[in-house]
Amino acid sequence: MIAFIACVMLVGVAAANQENHEAGDTWGRAALFKLGPGYNSVSGSLGGLDVADYWRESNAASSVNVKLYLDGSSLARGAVAEMYEGNYPHPFMQRVSSGNNDCPDTYLNHAPVYVVMTPKGIGDYTFTVRRY
């Protein structure tokens, strides 16, 4: 019985680590997130030596409209979320930050969509990508 409980606890820890993985630190090592229809929220943390967190959609959706959002507490701490499309040269689509928002493009022509979070030291954050 004790061995069974220990196995269940280990599986729970492994699942929790998988759900709360840290984002990549470069374009090539971007962590994956699913870009399904509707609102897709992703949480991470920028602390310590992390300069930026890179996220990339895992399902290669394209020919859709997307909109980037950032939670209020992250905005208050100076977080900046930027969205790009395509593998190279990563054309800029949108920026969300306190007082410096920019949204010249909402149509995702080339998958994947990337979200880059900066600056270092902002702590926990949650960004949301709406696919509609």
Protein backbone atom coordinates (compact mmCIF):
# COMPACT_ATOMS: atom_id res chain seq x y z
CA MET A 1 0.00 0.00 0.00
CA ILE A 2 2.82 2.42 0.87
CA ALA A 3 4.59 1.61 -2.41
CA PHE A 4 1.37 2.31 -4.33
CA ILE A 5 0.96 5.70 -2.61
CA ALA A 6 4.60 6.55 -3.34
CA CYS A 7 4.09 5.70 -7.04
CA VAL A 8 0.96 7.86 -7.21
CA MET A 9 2.86 10.73 -5.57
CA LEU A 10 5.74 10.40 -8.06
CA VAL A 11 3.34 10.42 -11.01
CA GLY A 12 1.67 13.52 -9.55
CA VAL A 13 5.02 15.28 -9.18
CA ALA A 14 6.01 14.39 -12.75
CA ALA A 15 2.68 15.69 -14.10
CA ALA A 16 3.01 18.91 -12.12
CA ASN A 17 6.52 19.49 -13.47
CA GLN A 18 5.34 18.88 -17.02
CA GLU A 19 2.47 21.37 -16.66
CA ASN A 20 4.66 24.04 -15.07
CA HIS A 21 7.73 23.76 -17.28
CA GLU A 22 9.92 26.80 -17.72
CA ALA A 23 9.95 28.58 -21.04
CA GLY A 24 12.89 28.43 -23.39
CA ASP A 25 15.65 31.04 -23.36
CA THR A 26 16.08 31.33 -27.15
CA TRP A 27 13.96 31.14 -30.31
CA GLY A 28 15.23 27.62 -30.96
CA ARG A 29 14.45 26.37 -27.46
CA ALA A 30 11.03 27.99 -27.10
CA ALA A 31 8.66 26.05 -24.85
CA LEU A 32 5.47 24.81 -26.49
CA PHE A 33 1.90 25.91 -25.87
CA LYS A 34 -1.34 24.87 -27.58
CA LEU A 35 -3.10 27.52 -29.69
CA GLY A 36 -6.65 26.22 -29.79
CA PRO A 37 -9.76 28.22 -30.67
CA GLY A 38 -10.72 30.79 -28.03
CA TYR A 39 -8.51 32.01 -25.18
CA ASN A 40 -5.22 30.18 -24.49
CA SER A 41 -3.50 31.17 -21.25
CA VAL A 42 0.15 30.40 -20.49
CA SER A 43 1.91 30.99 -17.18
CA GLY A 44 5.61 31.33 -16.52
CA SER A 45 8.15 33.14 -14.40
CA LEU A 46 11.10 35.39 -15.19
CA GLY A 47 13.51 35.59 -12.28
CA GLY A 48 17.12 35.12 -11.41
CA LEU A 49 19.29 35.01 -14.52
CA ASP A 50 16.40 34.65 -17.01
CA VAL A 51 16.63 37.50 -19.52
CA ALA A 52 13.61 36.44 -21.60
CA ASP A 53 11.11 33.59 -21.93
CA TYR A 54 10.27 32.25 -25.39
CA TRP A 55 7.05 30.37 -26.13
CA ARG A 56 5.94 28.74 -29.40
CA GLU A 57 2.61 27.26 -30.40
CA SER A 58 2.74 23.48 -30.72
CA ASN A 59 0.00 22.87 -33.26
CA ALA A 60 1.12 25.20 -36.11
CA ALA A 61 -2.18 27.00 -36.57
CA SER A 62 -2.12 29.59 -39.34
CA SER A 63 -4.58 31.61 -41.42
CA VAL A 64 -6.34 32.65 -38.21
CA ASN A 65 -6.71 35.89 -36.27
CA VAL A 66 -4.90 36.17 -32.95
CA LYS A 67 -4.80 38.76 -30.16
CA LEU A 68 -2.28 38.94 -27.30
CA TYR A 69 -3.19 39.87 -23.70
CA LEU A 70 -1.15 40.16 -20.48
CA ASP A 71 -2.42 39.90 -16.91
CA GLY A 72 -2.73 43.12 -14.89
CA SER A 73 -0.27 42.27 -12.13
CA SER A 74 2.45 41.53 -14.70
CA LEU A 75 1.73 44.82 -16.45
CA ALA A 76 2.07 46.63 -13.13
CA ARG A 77 5.52 45.05 -12.61
CA GLY A 78 6.73 46.24 -16.04
CA ALA A 79 6.27 43.02 -18.04
CA VAL A 80 6.36 43.15 -21.83
CA ALA A 81 4.77 40.48 -24.03
CA GLU A 82 5.58 40.48 -27.75
CA MET A 83 4.10 38.24 -30.43
CA TYR A 84 5.85 37.18 -33.64
CA GLU A 85 4.96 34.81 -36.47
CA GLY A 86 6.86 32.32 -38.59
CA ASN A 87 10.14 30.52 -38.01
CA TYR A 88 12.36 33.09 -39.69
CA PRO A 89 12.70 36.06 -39.76
CA HIS A 90 9.99 36.21 -37.02
CA PRO A 91 7.93 39.23 -38.20
CA PHE A 92 6.57 41.33 -35.34
CA MET A 93 2.81 41.19 -34.75
CA GLN A 94 1.86 42.67 -31.37
CA ARG A 95 3.22 44.13 -28.12
CA VAL A 96 1.45 44.43 -24.77
CA SER A 97 3.05 46.51 -22.04
CA SER A 98 2.11 49.31 -19.69
CA GLY A 99 1.73 52.41 -21.86
CA ASN A 100 3.43 50.99 -24.95
CA ASN A 101 0.97 48.69 -26.73
CA ASP A 102 1.32 48.05 -30.44
CA CYS A 103 -0.92 45.86 -32.58
CA PRO A 104 -0.17 46.30 -36.29
CA ASP A 105 -1.03 42.69 -37.23
CA THR A 106 -3.69 40.28 -35.94
CA TYR A 107 -3.70 37.83 -38.88
CA LEU A 108 -1.36 34.87 -38.48
CA ASN A 109 -0.04 34.29 -42.01
CA HIS A 110 2.77 31.89 -41.14
CA ALA A 111 2.86 29.45 -38.26
CA PRO A 112 4.09 29.15 -35.64
CA VAL A 113 3.18 32.06 -33.42
CA TYR A 114 5.81 33.00 -30.81
CA VAL A 115 5.42 34.99 -27.60
CA VAL A 116 8.49 36.51 -25.96
CA MET A 117 8.29 37.73 -22.35
CA THR A 118 10.70 40.33 -20.94
CA PRO A 119 12.37 41.91 -18.93
CA LYS A 120 14.24 39.78 -16.44
CA GLY A 121 13.10 39.81 -12.84
CA ILE A 122 9.36 40.39 -13.38
CA GLY A 123 8.48 37.18 -11.56
CA ASP A 124 5.31 35.24 -12.33
CA TYR A 125 3.27 36.19 -15.38
CA THR A 126 0.36 34.96 -17.46
CA PHE A 127 -0.19 35.87 -21.06
CA THR A 128 -3.22 34.90 -23.14
CA VAL A 129 -3.47 34.44 -26.89
CA ARG A 130 -6.97 34.58 -28.29
CA ARG A 131 -7.46 32.66 -31.50
CA TYR A 132 -10.60 33.61 -33.38
